[in-house]
Amino acid sequence: MATRRTVDSAYRLVVGVVGGVIVAVGLATIPLPGPGWLTVIAGLFVLATEFFWAERLLEFTKKHVKSWTDWLGRQPVWVRAAVALVTAASVYGVLVVTLHVTGVPGWVPGWVPLWR
């Protein structure tokens, strides 16, 4: 493809748009329960196939995620439990606020203890 400049440019444009959309969706879903950061990293993987800056950003992200997980793995059980509890409370809080602002979907059963 590199020998045909128009095809190469079009391919890079498509990769940029697709990767950018994946990263944007991931950034929008970070505060919501679900795979927000995982989606951002997947978008960076797509972008890194064609763009050097995205490859560098992906390496930076992988390095910091590894250092965080290594640090957390060296901590006592109570620290890991506290981090898990704070994370779960944050996700629950964002979920409750999101459901309060947007409303509870109609497909949620009535016995679920949320706002109606």
PDB file of N, CA and C in Angstrom:
ATOM      1  N   MET A   1       0.807  -1.188   0.000  1.00  0.00           N
ATOM      2  CA  MET A   1       0.000   0.000   0.000  1.00  0.00           C
ATOM      3  C   MET A   1       0.857   1.261   0.000  1.00  0.00           C
ATOM      4  N   ALA A   2       2.033   1.180   0.589  1.00  0.00           N
ATOM      5  CA  ALA A   2       2.872   2.361   0.691  1.00  0.00           C
ATOM      6  C   ALA A   2       3.300   2.877  -0.676  1.00  0.00           C
ATOM      7  N   THR A   3       3.314   2.009  -1.691  1.00  0.00           N
ATOM      8  CA  THR A   3       3.717   2.460  -3.018  1.00  0.00           C
ATOM      9  C   THR A   3       2.622   3.291  -3.685  1.00  0.00           C
ATOM     10  N   ARG A   4       1.403   3.080  -3.294  1.00  0.00           N
ATOM     11  CA  ARG A   4       0.290   3.856  -3.846  1.00  0.00           C
ATOM     12  C   ARG A   4      -0.148   4.880  -2.805  1.00  0.00           C
ATOM     13  N   ARG A   5       0.271   6.105  -3.013  1.00  0.00           N
ATOM     14  CA  ARG A   5       0.082   7.160  -2.023  1.00  0.00           C
ATOM     15  C   ARG A   5      -1.385   7.417  -1.694  1.00  0.00           C
ATOM     16  N   THR A   6      -2.271   7.398  -2.666  1.00  0.00           N
ATOM     17  CA  THR A   6      -3.679   7.692  -2.387  1.00  0.00           C
ATOM     18  C   THR A   6      -4.312   6.589  -1.546  1.00  0.00           C
ATOM     19  N   VAL A   7      -3.958   5.338  -1.836  1.00  0.00           N
ATOM     20  CA  VAL A   7      -4.496   4.229  -1.041  1.00  0.00           C
ATOM     21  C   VAL A   7      -3.952   4.293   0.369  1.00  0.00           C
ATOM     22  N   ASP A   8      -2.658   4.584   0.498  1.00  0.00           N
ATOM     23  CA  ASP A   8      -2.046   4.685   1.820  1.00  0.00           C
ATOM     24  C   ASP A   8      -2.670   5.814   2.632  1.00  0.00           C
ATOM     25  N   SER A   9      -2.881   6.959   2.010  1.00  0.00           N
ATOM     26  CA  SER A   9      -3.495   8.088   2.714  1.00  0.00           C
ATOM     27  C   SER A   9      -4.927   7.773   3.123  1.00  0.00           C
ATOM     28  N   ALA A  10      -5.663   7.134   2.252  1.00  0.00           N
ATOM     29  CA  ALA A  10      -7.049   6.776   2.572  1.00  0.00           C
ATOM     30  C   ALA A  10      -7.084   5.763   3.716  1.00  0.00           C
ATOM     31  N   TYR A  11      -6.182   4.800   3.678  1.00  0.00           N
ATOM     32  CA  TYR A  11      -6.119   3.797   4.734  1.00  0.00           C
ATOM     33  C   TYR A  11      -5.791   4.442   6.077  1.00  0.00           C
ATOM     34  N   ARG A  12      -4.790   5.346   6.074  1.00  0.00           N
ATOM     35  CA  ARG A  12      -4.430   6.047   7.312  1.00  0.00           C
ATOM     36  C   ARG A  12      -5.588   6.890   7.824  1.00  0.00           C
ATOM     37  N   LEU A  13      -6.328   7.497   6.930  1.00  0.00           N
ATOM     38  CA  LEU A  13      -7.484   8.297   7.332  1.00  0.00           C
ATOM     39  C   LEU A  13      -8.549   7.418   7.981  1.00  0.00           C
ATOM     40  N   VAL A  14      -8.820   6.260   7.390  1.00  0.00           N
ATOM     41  CA  VAL A  14      -9.818   5.340   7.949  1.00  0.00           C
ATOM     42  C   VAL A  14      -9.361   4.833   9.322  1.00  0.00           C
ATOM     43  N   VAL A  15      -8.091   4.459   9.432  1.00  0.00           N
ATOM     44  CA  VAL A  15      -7.562   4.001  10.720  1.00  0.00           C
ATOM     45  C   VAL A  15      -7.662   5.120  11.754  1.00  0.00           C
ATOM     46  N   GLY A  16      -7.350   6.341  11.368  1.00  0.00           N
ATOM     47  CA  GLY A  16      -7.435   7.474  12.280  1.00  0.00           C
ATOM     48  C   GLY A  16      -8.853   7.737  12.752  1.00  0.00           C
ATOM     49  N   VAL A  17      -9.801   7.668  11.820  1.00  0.00           N
ATOM     50  CA  VAL A  17     -11.202   7.915  12.191  1.00  0.00           C
ATOM     51  C   VAL A  17     -11.726   6.794  13.081  1.00  0.00           C
ATOM     52  N   VAL A  18     -11.500   5.547  12.693  1.00  0.00           N
ATOM     53  CA  VAL A  18     -11.992   4.410  13.486  1.00  0.00           C
ATOM     54  C   VAL A  18     -11.349   4.409  14.872  1.00  0.00           C
ATOM     55  N   GLY A  19     -10.041   4.564  14.935  1.00  0.00           N
ATOM     56  CA  GLY A  19      -9.355   4.597  16.226  1.00  0.00           C
ATOM     57  C   GLY A  19      -9.802   5.778  17.073  1.00  0.00           C
ATOM     58  N   GLY A  20      -9.984   6.936  16.441  1.00  0.00           N
ATOM     59  CA  GLY A  20     -10.447   8.113  17.166  1.00  0.00           C
ATOM     60  C   GLY A  20     -11.841   7.931  17.739  1.00  0.00           C
ATOM     61  N   VAL A  21     -12.718   7.305  16.975  1.00  0.00           N
ATOM     62  CA  VAL A  21     -14.077   7.046  17.464  1.00  0.00           C
ATOM     63  C   VAL A  21     -14.042   6.077  18.648  1.00  0.00           C
ATOM     64  N   ILE A  22     -13.217   5.035  18.543  1.00  0.00           N
ATOM     65  CA  ILE A  22     -13.111   4.071  19.648  1.00  0.00           C
ATOM     66  C   ILE A  22     -12.583   4.757  20.904  1.00  0.00           C
ATOM     67  N   VAL A  23     -11.560   5.598  20.760  1.00  0.00           N
ATOM     68  CA  VAL A  23     -11.011   6.321  21.913  1.00  0.00           C
ATOM     69  C   VAL A  23     -12.060   7.274  22.482  1.00  0.00           C
ATOM     70  N   ALA A  24     -12.794   7.975  21.631  1.00  0.00           N
ATOM     71  CA  ALA A  24     -13.819   8.917  22.095  1.00  0.00           C
ATOM     72  C   ALA A  24     -14.924   8.197  22.864  1.00  0.00           C
ATOM     73  N   VAL A  25     -15.365   7.054  22.353  1.00  0.00           N
ATOM     74  CA  VAL A  25     -16.388   6.271  23.068  1.00  0.00           C
ATOM     75  C   VAL A  25     -15.839   5.808  24.411  1.00  0.00           C
ATOM     76  N   GLY A  26     -14.589   5.365  24.423  1.00  0.00           N
ATOM     77  CA  GLY A  26     -13.975   4.936  25.674  1.00  0.00           C
ATOM     78  C   GLY A  26     -13.873   6.074  26.681  1.00  0.00           C
ATOM     79  N   LEU A  27     -13.463   7.255  26.223  1.00  0.00           N
ATOM     80  CA  LEU A  27     -13.371   8.399  27.130  1.00  0.00           C
ATOM     81  C   LEU A  27     -14.744   8.799  27.663  1.00  0.00           C
ATOM     82  N   ALA A  28     -15.759   8.693  26.823  1.00  0.00           N
ATOM     83  CA  ALA A  28     -17.112   9.044  27.264  1.00  0.00           C
ATOM     84  C   ALA A  28     -17.650   8.048  28.277  1.00  0.00           C
ATOM     85  N   THR A  29     -17.197   6.809  28.202  1.00  0.00           N
ATOM     86  CA  THR A  29     -17.728   5.780  29.105  1.00  0.00           C
ATOM     87  C   THR A  29     -16.845   5.512  30.321  1.00  0.00           C
ATOM     88  N   ILE A  30     -15.765   6.253  30.474  1.00  0.00           N
ATOM     89  CA  ILE A  30     -14.901   6.039  31.639  1.00  0.00           C
ATOM     90  C   ILE A  30     -15.661   6.210  32.953  1.00  0.00           C
ATOM     91  N   PRO A  31     -16.464   7.262  33.115  1.00  0.00           N
ATOM     92  CA  PRO A  31     -17.140   7.390  34.415  1.00  0.00           C
ATOM     93  C   PRO A  31     -18.287   6.405  34.621  1.00  0.00           C
ATOM     94  N   LEU A  32     -18.693   5.716  33.585  1.00  0.00           N
ATOM     95  CA  LEU A  32     -19.794   4.763  33.703  1.00  0.00           C
ATOM     96  C   LEU A  32     -19.256   3.369  33.990  1.00  0.00           C
ATOM     97  N   PRO A  33     -20.069   2.511  34.587  1.00  0.00           N
ATOM     98  CA  PRO A  33     -19.626   1.129  34.791  1.00  0.00           C
ATOM     99  C   PRO A  33     -19.398   0.458  33.431  1.00  0.00           C
ATOM    100  N   GLY A  34     -18.339  -0.250  33.340  1.00  0.00           N
ATOM    101  CA  GLY A  34     -18.043  -0.932  32.085  1.00  0.00           C
ATOM    102  C   GLY A  34     -16.594  -0.740  31.690  1.00  0.00           C
ATOM    103  N   PRO A  35     -16.269  -1.130  30.487  1.00  0.00           N
ATOM    104  CA  PRO A  35     -14.868  -1.159  30.067  1.00  0.00           C
ATOM    105  C   PRO A  35     -14.382   0.152  29.457  1.00  0.00           C
ATOM    106  N   GLY A  36     -14.531   1.267  30.137  1.00  0.00           N
ATOM    107  CA  GLY A  36     -14.114   2.558  29.586  1.00  0.00           C
ATOM    108  C   GLY A  36     -12.642   2.614  29.242  1.00  0.00           C
ATOM    109  N   TRP A  37     -11.782   2.337  30.211  1.00  0.00           N
ATOM    110  CA  TRP A  37     -10.343   2.387  29.958  1.00  0.00           C
ATOM    111  C   TRP A  37      -9.907   1.307  28.971  1.00  0.00           C
ATOM    112  N   LEU A  38     -10.536   0.163  29.051  1.00  0.00           N
ATOM    113  CA  LEU A  38     -10.204  -0.904  28.107  1.00  0.00           C
ATOM    114  C   LEU A  38     -10.525  -0.473  26.675  1.00  0.00           C
ATOM    115  N   THR A  39     -11.614   0.252  26.510  1.00  0.00           N
ATOM    116  CA  THR A  39     -11.991   0.742  25.186  1.00  0.00           C
ATOM    117  C   THR A  39     -11.002   1.795  24.699  1.00  0.00           C
ATOM    118  N   VAL A  40     -10.560   2.672  25.587  1.00  0.00           N
ATOM    119  CA  VAL A  40      -9.547   3.671  25.210  1.00  0.00           C
ATOM    120  C   VAL A  40      -8.271   2.978  24.753  1.00  0.00           C
ATOM    121  N   ILE A  41      -7.836   1.970  25.500  1.00  0.00           N
ATOM    122  CA  ILE A  41      -6.614   1.253  25.134  1.00  0.00           C
ATOM    123  C   ILE A  41      -6.793   0.514  23.808  1.00  0.00           C
ATOM    124  N   ALA A  42      -7.980  -0.050  23.572  1.00  0.00           N
ATOM    125  CA  ALA A  42      -8.241  -0.711  22.286  1.00  0.00           C
ATOM    126  C   ALA A  42      -8.157   0.303  21.142  1.00  0.00           C
ATOM    127  N   GLY A  43      -8.696   1.491  21.359  1.00  0.00           N
ATOM    128  CA  GLY A  43      -8.589   2.538  20.335  1.00  0.00           C
ATOM    129  C   GLY A  43      -7.148   2.941  20.087  1.00  0.00           C
ATOM    130  N   LEU A  44      -6.352   2.993  21.151  1.00  0.00           N
ATOM    131  CA  LEU A  44      -4.933   3.303  20.977  1.00  0.00           C
ATOM    132  C   LEU A  44      -4.217   2.202  20.205  1.00  0.00           C
ATOM    133  N   PHE A  45      -4.614   0.940  20.436  1.00  0.00           N
ATOM    134  CA  PHE A  45      -4.035  -0.159  19.651  1.00  0.00           C
ATOM    135  C   PHE A  45      -4.319   0.037  18.169  1.00  0.00           C
ATOM    136  N   VAL A  46      -5.545   0.415  17.843  1.00  0.00           N
ATOM    137  CA  VAL A  46      -5.912   0.644  16.439  1.00  0.00           C
ATOM    138  C   VAL A  46      -5.086   1.800  15.871  1.00  0.00           C
ATOM    139  N   LEU A  47      -5.021   2.905  16.604  1.00  0.00           N
ATOM    140  CA  LEU A  47      -4.259   4.063  16.128  1.00  0.00           C
ATOM    141  C   LEU A  47      -2.767   3.763  16.014  1.00  0.00           C
ATOM    142  N   ALA A  48      -2.239   2.942  16.922  1.00  0.00           N
ATOM    143  CA  ALA A  48      -0.808   2.640  16.922  1.00  0.00           C
ATOM    144  C   ALA A  48      -0.376   1.819  15.716  1.00  0.00           C
ATOM    145  N   THR A  49      -1.327   1.228  15.008  1.00  0.00           N
ATOM    146  CA  THR A  49      -0.943   0.487  13.806  1.00  0.00           C
ATOM    147  C   THR A  49      -0.439   1.402  12.702  1.00  0.00           C
ATOM    148  N   GLU A  50      -0.814   2.693  12.767  1.00  0.00           N
ATOM    149  CA  GLU A  50      -0.418   3.624  11.712  1.00  0.00           C
ATOM    150  C   GLU A  50       0.257   4.898  12.196  1.00  0.00           C
ATOM    151  N   PHE A  51       0.133   5.220  13.486  1.00  0.00           N
ATOM    152  CA  PHE A  51       0.640   6.504  13.972  1.00  0.00           C
ATOM    153  C   PHE A  51       1.634   6.289  15.102  1.00  0.00           C
ATOM    154  N   PHE A  52       2.820   6.894  14.946  1.00  0.00           N
ATOM    155  CA  PHE A  52       3.896   6.734  15.910  1.00  0.00           C
ATOM    156  C   PHE A  52       3.520   7.338  17.264  1.00  0.00           C
ATOM    157  N   TRP A  53       2.859   8.507  17.263  1.00  0.00           N
ATOM    158  CA  TRP A  53       2.473   9.150  18.521  1.00  0.00           C
ATOM    159  C   TRP A  53       1.541   8.257  19.336  1.00  0.00           C
ATOM    160  N   ALA A  54       0.648   7.538  18.658  1.00  0.00           N
ATOM    161  CA  ALA A  54      -0.269   6.643  19.365  1.00  0.00           C
ATOM    162  C   ALA A  54       0.492   5.448  19.938  1.00  0.00           C
ATOM    163  N   GLU A  55       1.496   4.989  19.215  1.00  0.00           N
ATOM    164  CA  GLU A  55       2.318   3.883  19.718  1.00  0.00           C
ATOM    165  C   GLU A  55       3.066   4.306  20.979  1.00  0.00           C
ATOM    166  N   ARG A  56       3.610   5.522  20.976  1.00  0.00           N
ATOM    167  CA  ARG A  56       4.300   6.034  22.165  1.00  0.00           C
ATOM    168  C   ARG A  56       3.336   6.196  23.333  1.00  0.00           C
ATOM    169  N   LEU A  57       2.135   6.720  23.074  1.00  0.00           N
ATOM    170  CA  LEU A  57       1.137   6.884  24.125  1.00  0.00           C
ATOM    171  C   LEU A  57       0.689   5.534  24.674  1.00  0.00           C
ATOM    172  N   LEU A  58       0.560   4.552  23.797  1.00  0.00           N
ATOM    173  CA  LEU A  58       0.185   3.203  24.230  1.00  0.00           C
ATOM    174  C   LEU A  58       1.272   2.593  25.116  1.00  0.00           C
ATOM    175  N   GLU A  59       2.534   2.767  24.740  1.00  0.00           N
ATOM    176  CA  GLU A  59       3.640   2.259  25.558  1.00  0.00           C
ATOM    177  C   GLU A  59       3.673   2.951  26.917  1.00  0.00           C
ATOM    178  N   PHE A  60       3.448   4.264  26.938  1.00  0.00           N
ATOM    179  CA  PHE A  60       3.379   5.017  28.190  1.00  0.00           C
ATOM    180  C   PHE A  60       2.268   4.470  29.079  1.00  0.00           C
ATOM    181  N   THR A  61       1.109   4.225  28.487  1.00  0.00           N
ATOM    182  CA  THR A  61      -0.039   3.706  29.234  1.00  0.00           C
ATOM    183  C   THR A  61       0.255   2.318  29.779  1.00  0.00           C
ATOM    184  N   LYS A  62       0.795   1.438  28.946  1.00  0.00           N
ATOM    185  CA  LYS A  62       1.108   0.083  29.399  1.00  0.00           C
ATOM    186  C   LYS A  62       2.116   0.102  30.542  1.00  0.00           C
ATOM    187  N   LYS A  63       3.115   0.991  30.451  1.00  0.00           N
ATOM    188  CA  LYS A  63       4.131   1.087  31.495  1.00  0.00           C
ATOM    189  C   LYS A  63       3.505   1.511  32.826  1.00  0.00           C
ATOM    190  N   HIS A  64       2.628   2.500  32.783  1.00  0.00           N
ATOM    191  CA  HIS A  64       2.017   2.988  34.021  1.00  0.00           C
ATOM    192  C   HIS A  64       0.992   2.010  34.589  1.00  0.00           C
ATOM    193  N   VAL A  65       0.261   1.322  33.732  1.00  0.00           N
ATOM    194  CA  VAL A  65      -0.675   0.301  34.224  1.00  0.00           C
ATOM    195  C   VAL A  65       0.104  -0.822  34.890  1.00  0.00           C
ATOM    196  N   LYS A  66       1.220  -1.224  34.285  1.00  0.00           N
ATOM    197  CA  LYS A  66       2.044  -2.286  34.886  1.00  0.00           C
ATOM    198  C   LYS A  66       2.617  -1.844  36.221  1.00  0.00           C
ATOM    199  N   SER A  67       3.109  -0.606  36.298  1.00  0.00           N
ATOM    200  CA  SER A  67       3.673  -0.146  37.574  1.00  0.00           C
ATOM    201  C   SER A  67       2.585  -0.053  38.650  1.00  0.00           C
ATOM    202  N   TRP A  68       1.367   0.341  38.272  1.00  0.00           N
ATOM    203  CA  TRP A  68       0.262   0.389  39.240  1.00  0.00           C
ATOM    204  C   TRP A  68      -0.095  -1.012  39.731  1.00  0.00           C
ATOM    205  N   THR A  69      -0.217  -1.954  38.805  1.00  0.00           N
ATOM    206  CA  THR A  69      -0.585  -3.309  39.221  1.00  0.00           C
ATOM    207  C   THR A  69       0.530  -3.957  40.035  1.00  0.00           C
ATOM    208  N   ASP A  70       1.779  -3.693  39.675  1.00  0.00           N
ATOM    209  CA  ASP A  70       2.895  -4.222  40.467  1.00  0.00           C
ATOM    210  C   ASP A  70       2.877  -3.633  41.876  1.00  0.00           C
ATOM    211  N   TRP A  71       2.661  -2.313  41.975  1.00  0.00           N
ATOM    212  CA  TRP A  71       2.602  -1.671  43.285  1.00  0.00           C
ATOM    213  C   TRP A  71       1.460  -2.249  44.121  1.00  0.00           C
ATOM    214  N   LEU A  72       0.297  -2.376  43.499  1.00  0.00           N
ATOM    215  CA  LEU A  72      -0.866  -2.889  44.217  1.00  0.00           C
ATOM    216  C   LEU A  72      -0.648  -4.335  44.658  1.00  0.00           C
ATOM    217  N   GLY A  73       0.041  -5.112  43.827  1.00  0.00           N
ATOM    218  CA  GLY A  73       0.327  -6.501  44.180  1.00  0.00           C
ATOM    219  C   GLY A  73       1.263  -6.643  45.368  1.00  0.00           C
ATOM    220  N   ARG A  74       2.106  -5.640  45.617  1.00  0.00           N
ATOM    221  CA  ARG A  74       3.030  -5.683  46.755  1.00  0.00           C
ATOM    222  C   ARG A  74       2.386  -5.213  48.053  1.00  0.00           C
ATOM    223  N   GLN A  75       1.184  -4.665  47.982  1.00  0.00           N
ATOM    224  CA  GLN A  75       0.526  -4.118  49.169  1.00  0.00           C
ATOM    225  C   GLN A  75      -0.139  -5.219  49.990  1.00  0.00           C
ATOM    226  N   PRO A  76      -0.341  -4.952  51.280  1.00  0.00           N
ATOM    227  CA  PRO A  76      -1.061  -5.928  52.103  1.00  0.00           C
ATOM    228  C   PRO A  76      -2.505  -6.071  51.632  1.00  0.00           C
ATOM    229  N   VAL A  77      -3.128  -7.131  52.079  1.00  0.00           N
ATOM    230  CA  VAL A  77      -4.491  -7.436  51.648  1.00  0.00           C
ATOM    231  C   VAL A  77      -5.443  -6.302  51.995  1.00  0.00           C
ATOM    232  N   TRP A  78      -5.270  -5.662  53.149  1.00  0.00           N
ATOM    233  CA  TRP A  78      -6.213  -4.620  53.538  1.00  0.00           C
ATOM    234  C   TRP A  78      -6.141  -3.416  52.593  1.00  0.00           C
ATOM    235  N   VAL A  79      -4.955  -3.106  52.052  1.00  0.00           N
ATOM    236  CA  VAL A  79      -4.837  -1.994  51.091  1.00  0.00           C
ATOM    237  C   VAL A  79      -5.529  -2.364  49.792  1.00  0.00           C
ATOM    238  N   ARG A  80      -5.320  -3.596  49.333  1.00  0.00           N
ATOM    239  CA  ARG A  80      -5.990  -4.034  48.106  1.00  0.00           C
ATOM    240  C   ARG A  80      -7.496  -4.053  48.277  1.00  0.00           C
ATOM    241  N   ALA A  81      -7.957  -4.481  49.461  1.00  0.00           N
ATOM    242  CA  ALA A  81      -9.393  -4.485  49.730  1.00  0.00           C
ATOM    243  C   ALA A  81      -9.938  -3.063  49.781  1.00  0.00           C
ATOM    244  N   ALA A  82      -9.180  -2.143  50.360  1.00  0.00           N
ATOM    245  CA  ALA A  82      -9.619  -0.742  50.420  1.00  0.00           C
ATOM    246  C   ALA A  82      -9.706  -0.135  49.023  1.00  0.00           C
ATOM    247  N   VAL A  83      -8.720  -0.430  48.185  1.00  0.00           N
ATOM    248  CA  VAL A  83      -8.762   0.068  46.800  1.00  0.00           C
ATOM    249  C   VAL A  83      -9.967  -0.513  46.074  1.00  0.00           C
ATOM    250  N   ALA A  84     -10.226  -1.793  46.254  1.00  0.00           N
ATOM    251  CA  ALA A  84     -11.382  -2.423  45.620  1.00  0.00           C
ATOM    252  C   ALA A  84     -12.683  -1.816  46.124  1.00  0.00           C
ATOM    253  N   LEU A  85     -12.757  -1.547  47.423  1.00  0.00           N
ATOM    254  CA  LEU A  85     -13.969  -0.957  47.999  1.00  0.00           C
ATOM    255  C   LEU A  85     -14.196   0.464  47.481  1.00  0.00           C
ATOM    256  N   VAL A  86     -13.149   1.267  47.435  1.00  0.00           N
ATOM    257  CA  VAL A  86     -13.269   2.637  46.913  1.00  0.00           C
ATOM    258  C   VAL A  86     -13.662   2.607  45.440  1.00  0.00           C
ATOM    259  N   THR A  87     -13.082   1.701  44.674  1.00  0.00           N
ATOM    260  CA  THR A  87     -13.433   1.579  43.265  1.00  0.00           C
ATOM    261  C   THR A  87     -14.890   1.180  43.097  1.00  0.00           C
ATOM    262  N   ALA A  88     -15.330   0.181  43.847  1.00  0.00           N
ATOM    263  CA  ALA A  88     -16.723  -0.263  43.749  1.00  0.00           C
ATOM    264  C   ALA A  88     -17.679   0.838  44.176  1.00  0.00           C
ATOM    265  N   ALA A  89     -17.352   1.571  45.241  1.00  0.00           N
ATOM    266  CA  ALA A  89     -18.211   2.665  45.690  1.00  0.00           C
ATOM    267  C   ALA A  89     -18.281   3.781  44.647  1.00  0.00           C
ATOM    268  N   SER A  90     -17.161   4.054  43.999  1.00  0.00           N
ATOM    269  CA  SER A  90     -17.149   5.084  42.953  1.00  0.00           C
ATOM    270  C   SER A  90     -18.005   4.673  41.763  1.00  0.00           C
ATOM    271  N   VAL A  91     -17.863   3.448  41.334  1.00  0.00           N
ATOM    272  CA  VAL A  91     -18.663   2.961  40.205  1.00  0.00           C
ATOM    273  C   VAL A  91     -20.145   2.972  40.564  1.00  0.00           C
ATOM    274  N   TYR A  92     -20.472   2.523  41.769  1.00  0.00           N
ATOM    275  CA  TYR A  92     -21.864   2.532  42.204  1.00  0.00           C
ATOM    276  C   TYR A  92     -22.406   3.959  42.261  1.00  0.00           C
ATOM    277  N   GLY A  93     -21.613   4.884  42.782  1.00  0.00           N
ATOM    278  CA  GLY A  93     -22.043   6.282  42.848  1.00  0.00           C
ATOM    279  C   GLY A  93     -22.299   6.879  41.484  1.00  0.00           C
ATOM    280  N   VAL A  94     -21.399   6.628  40.545  1.00  0.00           N
ATOM    281  CA  VAL A  94     -21.593   7.133  39.184  1.00  0.00           C
ATOM    282  C   VAL A  94     -22.824   6.502  38.554  1.00  0.00           C
ATOM    283  N   LEU A  95     -23.036   5.212  38.781  1.00  0.00           N
ATOM    284  CA  LEU A  95     -24.213   4.533  38.239  1.00  0.00           C
ATOM    285  C   LEU A  95     -25.498   5.138  38.792  1.00  0.00           C
ATOM    286  N   VAL A  96     -25.559   5.365  40.101  1.00  0.00           N
ATOM    287  CA  VAL A  96     -26.765   5.920  40.713  1.00  0.00           C
ATOM    288  C   VAL A  96     -27.027   7.337  40.197  1.00  0.00           C
ATOM    289  N   VAL A  97     -25.989   8.156  40.130  1.00  0.00           N
ATOM    290  CA  VAL A  97     -26.164   9.523  39.628  1.00  0.00           C
ATOM    291  C   VAL A  97     -26.588   9.508  38.165  1.00  0.00           C
ATOM    292  N   THR A  98     -25.969   8.634  37.355  1.00  0.00           N
ATOM    293  CA  THR A  98     -26.340   8.541  35.945  1.00  0.00           C
ATOM    294  C   THR A  98     -27.789   8.114  35.787  1.00  0.00           C
ATOM    295  N   LEU A  99     -28.230   7.125  36.544  1.00  0.00           N
ATOM    296  CA  LEU A  99     -29.618   6.684  36.464  1.00  0.00           C
ATOM    297  C   LEU A  99     -30.575   7.749  36.986  1.00  0.00           C
ATOM    298  N   HIS A 100     -30.138   8.520  37.959  1.00  0.00           N
ATOM    299  CA  HIS A 100     -30.982   9.586  38.472  1.00  0.00           C
ATOM    300  C   HIS A 100     -31.145  10.694  37.433  1.00  0.00           C
ATOM    301  N   VAL A 101     -30.073  11.027  36.736  1.00  0.00           N
ATOM    302  CA  VAL A 101     -30.112  12.101  35.737  1.00  0.00           C
ATOM    303  C   VAL A 101     -30.835  11.649  34.472  1.00  0.00           C
ATOM    304  N   THR A 102     -30.516  10.458  33.998  1.00  0.00           N
ATOM    305  CA  THR A 102     -31.082  10.001  32.722  1.00  0.00           C
ATOM    306  C   THR A 102     -32.381   9.240  32.885  1.00  0.00           C
ATOM    307  N   GLY A 103     -32.653   8.767  34.082  1.00  0.00           N
ATOM    308  CA  GLY A 103     -33.854   7.968  34.298  1.00  0.00           C
ATOM    309  C   GLY A 103     -33.542   6.485  34.179  1.00  0.00           C
ATOM    310  N   VAL A 104     -34.311   5.705  34.882  1.00  0.00           N
ATOM    311  CA  VAL A 104     -34.126   4.254  34.854  1.00  0.00           C
ATOM    312  C   VAL A 104     -34.809   3.716  33.599  1.00  0.00           C
ATOM    313  N   PRO A 105     -34.117   2.899  32.804  1.00  0.00           N
ATOM    314  CA  PRO A 105     -34.742   2.345  31.603  1.00  0.00           C
ATOM    315  C   PRO A 105     -35.960   1.492  31.941  1.00  0.00           C
ATOM    316  N   GLY A 106     -36.899   1.434  31.032  1.00  0.00           N
ATOM    317  CA  GLY A 106     -38.117   0.674  31.249  1.00  0.00           C
ATOM    318  C   GLY A 106     -37.898  -0.821  31.352  1.00  0.00           C
ATOM    319  N   TRP A 107     -36.787  -1.323  30.808  1.00  0.00           N
ATOM    320  CA  TRP A 107     -36.552  -2.767  30.828  1.00  0.00           C
ATOM    321  C   TRP A 107     -36.024  -3.268  32.168  1.00  0.00           C
ATOM    322  N   VAL A 108     -35.716  -2.336  33.101  1.00  0.00           N
ATOM    323  CA  VAL A 108     -35.242  -2.753  34.420  1.00  0.00           C
ATOM    324  C   VAL A 108     -36.434  -3.272  35.219  1.00  0.00           C
ATOM    325  N   PRO A 109     -36.342  -4.463  35.804  1.00  0.00           N
ATOM    326  CA  PRO A 109     -37.473  -5.003  36.572  1.00  0.00           C
ATOM    327  C   PRO A 109     -37.839  -4.095  37.751  1.00  0.00           C
ATOM    328  N   GLY A 110     -39.107  -4.117  38.146  1.00  0.00           N
ATOM    329  CA  GLY A 110     -39.587  -3.259  39.212  1.00  0.00           C
ATOM    330  C   GLY A 110     -38.991  -3.575  40.570  1.00  0.00           C
ATOM    331  N   TRP A 111     -38.513  -4.786  40.784  1.00  0.00           N
ATOM    332  CA  TRP A 111     -37.962  -5.147  42.089  1.00  0.00           C
ATOM    333  C   TRP A 111     -36.552  -4.637  42.303  1.00  0.00           C
ATOM    334  N   VAL A 112     -35.899  -4.092  41.247  1.00  0.00           N
ATOM    335  CA  VAL A 112     -34.558  -3.551  41.404  1.00  0.00           C
ATOM    336  C   VAL A 112     -34.660  -2.251  42.187  1.00  0.00           C
ATOM    337  N   PRO A 113     -33.893  -2.091  43.279  1.00  0.00           N
ATOM    338  CA  PRO A 113     -34.048  -0.912  44.151  1.00  0.00           C
ATOM    339  C   PRO A 113     -33.385   0.345  43.552  1.00  0.00           C
ATOM    340  N   LEU A 114     -33.992   0.914  42.554  1.00  0.00           N
ATOM    341  CA  LEU A 114     -33.524   2.154  41.940  1.00  0.00           C
ATOM    342  C   LEU A 114     -34.676   3.140  41.863  1.00  0.00           C
ATOM    343  N   TRP A 115     -34.376   4.352  41.483  1.00  0.00           N
ATOM    344  CA  TRP A 115     -35.436   5.340  41.315  1.00  0.00           C
ATOM    345  C   TRP A 115     -36.373   4.933  40.207  1.00  0.00           C
ATOM    346  N   ARG A 116     -37.622   5.219  40.377  1.00  0.00           N
ATOM    347  CA  ARG A 116     -38.634   4.967  39.338  1.00  0.00           C
ATOM    348  C   ARG A 116     -39.259   6.252  38.926  1.00  0.00           C
TER     349      ARG A 116
END
